[in-house]
Amino acid sequence: MFTGIVEELGEIEAVESAADLVKLTIRGPLVTQDAVHGASIAVNGVCLTVVDVKDGSFTADVIQETLDKSSLGGLEAGSRVNLERPVRLADRLGGHLVQGHVDGVGEIISREPGERWDVVTFSLPAHLSRYLVDKGSITIDGISLTVVEAGADRFSVALIPTTLSLTTLGDKKPGDPVNLEVDVVAKYVEKLFAGSPR
């Protein structure tokens, strides 16, 4: 479980393709300080399992299912990525409950720069629109954000200077893909009501 508060901007060092998976080597000195084989680290909002840790970098195997359901397949050496370690039970929950399980991929439609912050509009896969509400939570590339306005096929968020400078969203442009994870509480509520007698 994660909070959507990015700890570090990492960098892809290598992408190795095999028959049925991709091995990513990711530079992240902060998130690897206490990482061990089998640990979880969220990479652009995707929970990955650490295979190896060495000199401030870690490797993770990304299977085809993950490549099909996220934007990780488009990463290449030099790509910057948002990194977060799992939350500890004693930590503050600064964002919202994030599982690291991507629900869909959207893309940036537009950016409206302000003097100190940007309003960014993203496309939204139709099957996810029912989980978004104005002022609700959304995770974009592993970043916990508040929805400004939710529509049937798009939504907008406001990015403050901290988010612009400390995450990959500061550099992304219209047309760039992003990983989306909706609020898990909304999915559970939907399932509970769907199964209850009327």
C-alpha atoms as a PDB file:
ATOM      1  CA  MET A   1       0.000   0.000   0.000  1.00  0.00           C
ATOM      2  CA  PHE A   2       1.236   3.465  -0.912  1.00  0.00           C
ATOM      3  CA  THR A   3       0.137   7.045  -0.265  1.00  0.00           C
ATOM      4  CA  GLY A   4       0.772   8.676  -3.646  1.00  0.00           C
ATOM      5  CA  ILE A   5       3.383  11.018  -2.176  1.00  0.00           C
ATOM      6  CA  VAL A   6       6.380  10.681  -4.498  1.00  0.00           C
ATOM      7  CA  GLU A   7       9.628  10.244  -2.588  1.00  0.00           C
ATOM      8  CA  GLU A   8      12.108  10.514  -5.403  1.00  0.00           C
ATOM      9  CA  LEU A   9      12.458  11.185  -9.116  1.00  0.00           C
ATOM     10  CA  GLY A  10      14.319   8.167 -10.423  1.00  0.00           C
ATOM     11  CA  GLU A  11      15.788   7.372 -13.810  1.00  0.00           C
ATOM     12  CA  ILE A  12      15.606   4.297 -15.995  1.00  0.00           C
ATOM     13  CA  GLU A  13      19.156   3.006 -16.454  1.00  0.00           C
ATOM     14  CA  ALA A  14      18.393  -0.012 -18.638  1.00  0.00           C
ATOM     15  CA  VAL A  15      15.501  -1.814 -20.309  1.00  0.00           C
ATOM     16  CA  GLU A  16      16.123  -5.462 -21.196  1.00  0.00           C
ATOM     17  CA  SER A  17      13.476  -7.357 -23.169  1.00  0.00           C
ATOM     18  CA  ALA A  18      12.997 -11.087 -22.818  1.00  0.00           C
ATOM     19  CA  ALA A  19      10.390 -13.394 -24.352  1.00  0.00           C
ATOM     20  CA  ASP A  20       7.650 -12.745 -21.834  1.00  0.00           C
ATOM     21  CA  LEU A  21       8.836  -9.833 -19.680  1.00  0.00           C
ATOM     22  CA  VAL A  22      10.916  -6.681 -19.498  1.00  0.00           C
ATOM     23  CA  LYS A  23      13.629  -6.173 -16.886  1.00  0.00           C
ATOM     24  CA  LEU A  24      13.926  -2.555 -15.747  1.00  0.00           C
ATOM     25  CA  THR A  25      16.973  -1.194 -13.942  1.00  0.00           C
ATOM     26  CA  ILE A  26      16.049   1.998 -12.110  1.00  0.00           C
ATOM     27  CA  ARG A  27      18.298   4.505 -10.346  1.00  0.00           C
ATOM     28  CA  GLY A  28      16.815   5.587  -7.016  1.00  0.00           C
ATOM     29  CA  PRO A  29      19.324   6.084  -4.185  1.00  0.00           C
ATOM     30  CA  LEU A  30      16.677   7.140  -1.654  1.00  0.00           C
ATOM     31  CA  VAL A  31      14.152   4.345  -2.220  1.00  0.00           C
ATOM     32  CA  THR A  32      16.883   1.695  -2.340  1.00  0.00           C
ATOM     33  CA  GLN A  33      18.365   2.630   1.053  1.00  0.00           C
ATOM     34  CA  ASP A  34      16.331  -0.061   2.799  1.00  0.00           C
ATOM     35  CA  ALA A  35      15.207  -2.103  -0.220  1.00  0.00           C
ATOM     36  CA  VAL A  36      15.830  -5.839  -0.319  1.00  0.00           C
ATOM     37  CA  HIS A  37      14.979  -8.640  -2.730  1.00  0.00           C
ATOM     38  CA  GLY A  38      11.195  -9.049  -2.719  1.00  0.00           C
ATOM     39  CA  ALA A  39      10.416  -5.518  -1.521  1.00  0.00           C
ATOM     40  CA  SER A  40       7.832  -3.378  -3.322  1.00  0.00           C
ATOM     41  CA  ILE A  41       8.514  -0.014  -4.941  1.00  0.00           C
ATOM     42  CA  ALA A  42       5.939   1.969  -6.930  1.00  0.00           C
ATOM     43  CA  VAL A  43       7.283   3.122 -10.297  1.00  0.00           C
ATOM     44  CA  ASN A  44       5.001   5.699 -11.941  1.00  0.00           C
ATOM     45  CA  GLY A  45       2.246   4.284  -9.771  1.00  0.00           C
ATOM     46  CA  VAL A  46       2.855   0.627 -10.625  1.00  0.00           C
ATOM     47  CA  CYS A  47       3.775  -1.619  -7.709  1.00  0.00           C
ATOM     48  CA  LEU A  48       6.871  -3.586  -8.767  1.00  0.00           C
ATOM     49  CA  THR A  49       8.836  -6.243  -6.899  1.00  0.00           C
ATOM     50  CA  VAL A  50      12.547  -5.644  -6.364  1.00  0.00           C
ATOM     51  CA  VAL A  51      14.651  -8.431  -7.870  1.00  0.00           C
ATOM     52  CA  ASP A  52      18.083  -6.972  -7.095  1.00  0.00           C
ATOM     53  CA  VAL A  53      19.568  -3.881  -5.414  1.00  0.00           C
ATOM     54  CA  LYS A  54      23.039  -2.513  -6.156  1.00  0.00           C
ATOM     55  CA  ASP A  55      24.723   0.870  -5.692  1.00  0.00           C
ATOM     56  CA  GLY A  56      21.562   2.971  -5.494  1.00  0.00           C
ATOM     57  CA  SER A  57      19.726   1.140  -8.279  1.00  0.00           C
ATOM     58  CA  PHE A  58      17.251  -1.714  -8.347  1.00  0.00           C
ATOM     59  CA  THR A  59      15.925  -4.112 -10.956  1.00  0.00           C
ATOM     60  CA  ALA A  60      12.364  -5.301 -11.390  1.00  0.00           C
ATOM     61  CA  ASP A  61      10.732  -7.752 -13.783  1.00  0.00           C
ATOM     62  CA  VAL A  62       7.665  -6.380 -15.566  1.00  0.00           C
ATOM     63  CA  ILE A  63       5.372  -9.065 -16.984  1.00  0.00           C
ATOM     64  CA  GLN A  64       3.219  -8.701 -20.107  1.00  0.00           C
ATOM     65  CA  GLU A  65       0.021  -8.115 -18.092  1.00  0.00           C
ATOM     66  CA  THR A  66       1.606  -5.037 -16.504  1.00  0.00           C
ATOM     67  CA  LEU A  67       2.973  -3.823 -19.841  1.00  0.00           C
ATOM     68  CA  ASP A  68      -0.510  -4.182 -21.386  1.00  0.00           C
ATOM     69  CA  LYS A  69      -2.291  -2.307 -18.570  1.00  0.00           C
ATOM     70  CA  SER A  70       0.189   0.516 -17.902  1.00  0.00           C
ATOM     71  CA  SER A  71       2.499   2.958 -19.659  1.00  0.00           C
ATOM     72  CA  LEU A  72       5.665   1.200 -18.430  1.00  0.00           C
ATOM     73  CA  GLY A  73       6.221  -0.382 -21.854  1.00  0.00           C
ATOM     74  CA  GLY A  74       7.081   3.052 -23.237  1.00  0.00           C
ATOM     75  CA  LEU A  75       9.964   3.660 -20.834  1.00  0.00           C
ATOM     76  CA  GLU A  76      13.513   3.757 -22.162  1.00  0.00           C
ATOM     77  CA  ALA A  77      16.960   4.442 -20.753  1.00  0.00           C
ATOM     78  CA  GLY A  78      17.020   8.027 -19.483  1.00  0.00           C
ATOM     79  CA  SER A  79      13.266   8.227 -18.771  1.00  0.00           C
ATOM     80  CA  ARG A  80      12.466   9.853 -15.445  1.00  0.00           C
ATOM     81  CA  VAL A  81      10.042   8.025 -13.157  1.00  0.00           C
ATOM     82  CA  ASN A  82       8.190   8.726  -9.912  1.00  0.00           C
ATOM     83  CA  LEU A  83       9.298   6.413  -7.073  1.00  0.00           C
ATOM     84  CA  GLU A  84       7.664   5.615  -3.733  1.00  0.00           C
ATOM     85  CA  ARG A  85       8.259   2.958  -1.107  1.00  0.00           C
ATOM     86  CA  PRO A  86       5.270   1.323   0.607  1.00  0.00           C
ATOM     87  CA  VAL A  87       3.748   3.096   3.579  1.00  0.00           C
ATOM     88  CA  ARG A  88       4.503   1.774   7.064  1.00  0.00           C
ATOM     89  CA  LEU A  89       1.597   1.344   9.450  1.00  0.00           C
ATOM     90  CA  ALA A  90       3.056   4.026  11.738  1.00  0.00           C
ATOM     91  CA  ASP A  91       3.485   6.610   8.918  1.00  0.00           C
ATOM     92  CA  ARG A  92       1.232   9.564   8.214  1.00  0.00           C
ATOM     93  CA  LEU A  93      -1.067   9.039   5.241  1.00  0.00           C
ATOM     94  CA  GLY A  94      -0.211  12.221   3.338  1.00  0.00           C
ATOM     95  CA  GLY A  95      -2.098  11.403   0.133  1.00  0.00           C
ATOM     96  CA  HIS A  96      -4.744   8.671  -0.022  1.00  0.00           C
ATOM     97  CA  LEU A  97      -4.760   4.861  -0.056  1.00  0.00           C
ATOM     98  CA  VAL A  98      -2.959   3.787  -3.233  1.00  0.00           C
ATOM     99  CA  GLN A  99      -2.484   0.147  -4.181  1.00  0.00           C
ATOM    100  CA  GLY A 100      -0.098   0.512  -7.104  1.00  0.00           C
ATOM    101  CA  HIS A 101      -2.559  -1.399  -9.311  1.00  0.00           C
ATOM    102  CA  VAL A 102      -3.174   0.610 -12.477  1.00  0.00           C
ATOM    103  CA  ASP A 103      -6.820   0.795 -13.586  1.00  0.00           C
ATOM    104  CA  GLY A 104      -6.136   2.327 -16.986  1.00  0.00           C
ATOM    105  CA  VAL A 105      -3.970   4.598 -19.079  1.00  0.00           C
ATOM    106  CA  GLY A 106      -4.981   8.141 -19.978  1.00  0.00           C
ATOM    107  CA  GLU A 107      -3.116  10.911 -21.688  1.00  0.00           C
ATOM    108  CA  ILE A 108      -2.617  14.607 -21.224  1.00  0.00           C
ATOM    109  CA  ILE A 109      -5.112  16.575 -23.298  1.00  0.00           C
ATOM    110  CA  SER A 110      -4.081  20.095 -22.330  1.00  0.00           C
ATOM    111  CA  ARG A 111      -2.091  22.230 -19.895  1.00  0.00           C
ATOM    112  CA  GLU A 112      -3.155  25.679 -18.750  1.00  0.00           C
ATOM    113  CA  PRO A 113      -0.134  27.264 -17.097  1.00  0.00           C
ATOM    114  CA  GLY A 114      -0.753  29.683 -14.289  1.00  0.00           C
ATOM    115  CA  GLU A 115       1.748  32.018 -12.705  1.00  0.00           C
ATOM    116  CA  ARG A 116       2.700  29.415 -10.062  1.00  0.00           C
ATOM    117  CA  TRP A 117       0.586  26.347 -10.866  1.00  0.00           C
ATOM    118  CA  ASP A 118      -0.895  24.495 -13.858  1.00  0.00           C
ATOM    119  CA  VAL A 119      -4.329  23.067 -14.540  1.00  0.00           C
ATOM    120  CA  VAL A 120      -3.901  19.870 -16.535  1.00  0.00           C
ATOM    121  CA  THR A 121      -6.693  17.960 -18.279  1.00  0.00           C
ATOM    122  CA  PHE A 122      -6.368  14.212 -18.874  1.00  0.00           C
ATOM    123  CA  SER A 123      -8.349  11.764 -20.979  1.00  0.00           C
ATOM    124  CA  LEU A 124     -10.175   9.099 -18.986  1.00  0.00           C
ATOM    125  CA  PRO A 125     -11.122   5.585 -20.117  1.00  0.00           C
ATOM    126  CA  ALA A 126     -14.943   5.442 -20.116  1.00  0.00           C
ATOM    127  CA  HIS A 127     -15.121   2.541 -17.635  1.00  0.00           C
ATOM    128  CA  LEU A 128     -13.365   4.650 -14.972  1.00  0.00           C
ATOM    129  CA  SER A 129     -15.534   7.777 -15.093  1.00  0.00           C
ATOM    130  CA  ARG A 130     -18.018   6.446 -12.525  1.00  0.00           C
ATOM    131  CA  TYR A 131     -15.234   6.398  -9.884  1.00  0.00           C
ATOM    132  CA  LEU A 132     -14.289  10.081 -10.218  1.00  0.00           C
ATOM    133  CA  VAL A 133     -16.018  12.981  -8.516  1.00  0.00           C
ATOM    134  CA  ASP A 134     -15.137  16.642  -8.208  1.00  0.00           C
ATOM    135  CA  LYS A 135     -12.719  17.058  -5.268  1.00  0.00           C
ATOM    136  CA  GLY A 136     -12.200  13.287  -5.079  1.00  0.00           C
ATOM    137  CA  SER A 137      -8.871  11.460  -5.227  1.00  0.00           C
ATOM    138  CA  ILE A 138      -7.040  10.110  -8.282  1.00  0.00           C
ATOM    139  CA  THR A 139      -3.547   8.690  -8.662  1.00  0.00           C
ATOM    140  CA  ILE A 140      -1.666   9.792 -11.798  1.00  0.00           C
ATOM    141  CA  ASP A 141       1.707   8.107 -12.407  1.00  0.00           C
ATOM    142  CA  GLY A 142       1.793   7.309  -8.687  1.00  0.00           C
ATOM    143  CA  ILE A 143       0.965  10.862  -7.560  1.00  0.00           C
ATOM    144  CA  SER A 144      -2.008  11.381  -5.243  1.00  0.00           C
ATOM    145  CA  LEU A 145      -3.998  14.311  -6.633  1.00  0.00           C
ATOM    146  CA  THR A 146      -7.371  15.968  -6.128  1.00  0.00           C
ATOM    147  CA  VAL A 147      -9.779  16.054  -9.064  1.00  0.00           C
ATOM    148  CA  VAL A 148     -10.808  19.610  -9.937  1.00  0.00           C
ATOM    149  CA  GLU A 149     -13.499  18.649 -12.422  1.00  0.00           C
ATOM    150  CA  ALA A 150     -14.646  15.162 -13.447  1.00  0.00           C
ATOM    151  CA  GLY A 151     -16.309  14.484 -16.798  1.00  0.00           C
ATOM    152  CA  ALA A 152     -17.440  11.425 -18.739  1.00  0.00           C
ATOM    153  CA  ASP A 153     -14.214  11.092 -20.722  1.00  0.00           C
ATOM    154  CA  ARG A 154     -11.819  13.554 -19.057  1.00  0.00           C
ATOM    155  CA  PHE A 155     -10.873  15.158 -15.778  1.00  0.00           C
ATOM    156  CA  SER A 156      -8.649  17.984 -14.599  1.00  0.00           C
ATOM    157  CA  VAL A 157      -6.263  18.523 -11.704  1.00  0.00           C
ATOM    158  CA  ALA A 158      -4.319  21.524 -10.444  1.00  0.00           C
ATOM    159  CA  LEU A 159      -0.580  21.000 -10.028  1.00  0.00           C
ATOM    160  CA  ILE A 160       1.106  23.077  -7.337  1.00  0.00           C
ATOM    161  CA  PRO A 161       4.781  24.124  -7.628  1.00  0.00           C
ATOM    162  CA  THR A 162       5.944  21.208  -5.447  1.00  0.00           C
ATOM    163  CA  THR A 163       4.267  18.673  -7.742  1.00  0.00           C
ATOM    164  CA  LEU A 164       5.616  20.425 -10.831  1.00  0.00           C
ATOM    165  CA  SER A 165       9.195  20.385  -9.556  1.00  0.00           C
ATOM    166  CA  LEU A 166       9.365  17.030  -7.745  1.00  0.00           C
ATOM    167  CA  THR A 167       7.457  14.702 -10.107  1.00  0.00           C
ATOM    168  CA  THR A 168       7.393  13.753 -13.776  1.00  0.00           C
ATOM    169  CA  LEU A 169       4.168  15.739 -14.307  1.00  0.00           C
ATOM    170  CA  GLY A 170       6.246  18.919 -14.413  1.00  0.00           C
ATOM    171  CA  ASP A 171       7.752  17.814 -17.745  1.00  0.00           C
ATOM    172  CA  LYS A 172       4.898  15.920 -19.407  1.00  0.00           C
ATOM    173  CA  LYS A 173       3.198  17.378 -22.472  1.00  0.00           C
ATOM    174  CA  PRO A 174      -0.131  16.918 -24.290  1.00  0.00           C
ATOM    175  CA  GLY A 175      -0.226  13.452 -25.809  1.00  0.00           C
ATOM    176  CA  ASP A 176       1.975  11.860 -23.126  1.00  0.00           C
ATOM    177  CA  PRO A 177       0.472   8.721 -21.535  1.00  0.00           C
ATOM    178  CA  VAL A 178      -0.089   8.425 -17.776  1.00  0.00           C
ATOM    179  CA  ASN A 179      -1.037   5.572 -15.448  1.00  0.00           C
ATOM    180  CA  LEU A 180      -4.344   6.058 -13.636  1.00  0.00           C
ATOM    181  CA  GLU A 181      -5.526   4.439 -10.416  1.00  0.00           C
ATOM    182  CA  VAL A 182      -8.931   5.394  -9.073  1.00  0.00           C
ATOM    183  CA  ASP A 183      -9.816   5.475  -5.399  1.00  0.00           C
ATOM    184  CA  VAL A 184     -10.103   1.854  -4.210  1.00  0.00           C
ATOM    185  CA  VAL A 185     -12.787   2.848  -1.688  1.00  0.00           C
ATOM    186  CA  ALA A 186     -15.102   3.831  -4.557  1.00  0.00           C
ATOM    187  CA  LYS A 187     -14.637   0.401  -6.167  1.00  0.00           C
ATOM    188  CA  TYR A 188     -15.456  -1.413  -2.926  1.00  0.00           C
ATOM    189  CA  VAL A 189     -18.545   0.723  -2.323  1.00  0.00           C
ATOM    190  CA  GLU A 190     -19.757  -0.030  -5.857  1.00  0.00           C
ATOM    191  CA  LYS A 191     -19.280  -3.780  -5.341  1.00  0.00           C
ATOM    192  CA  LEU A 192     -21.067  -3.721  -1.976  1.00  0.00           C
ATOM    193  CA  PHE A 193     -24.075  -1.919  -3.383  1.00  0.00           C
ATOM    194  CA  ALA A 194     -24.178  -4.110  -6.487  1.00  0.00           C
ATOM    195  CA  GLY A 195     -24.426  -7.225  -4.325  1.00  0.00           C
ATOM    196  CA  SER A 196     -26.970  -5.892  -1.825  1.00  0.00           C
ATOM    197  CA  PRO A 197     -30.700  -6.649  -2.104  1.00  0.00           C
ATOM    198  CA  ARG A 198     -32.867  -3.734  -3.135  1.00  0.00           C
END
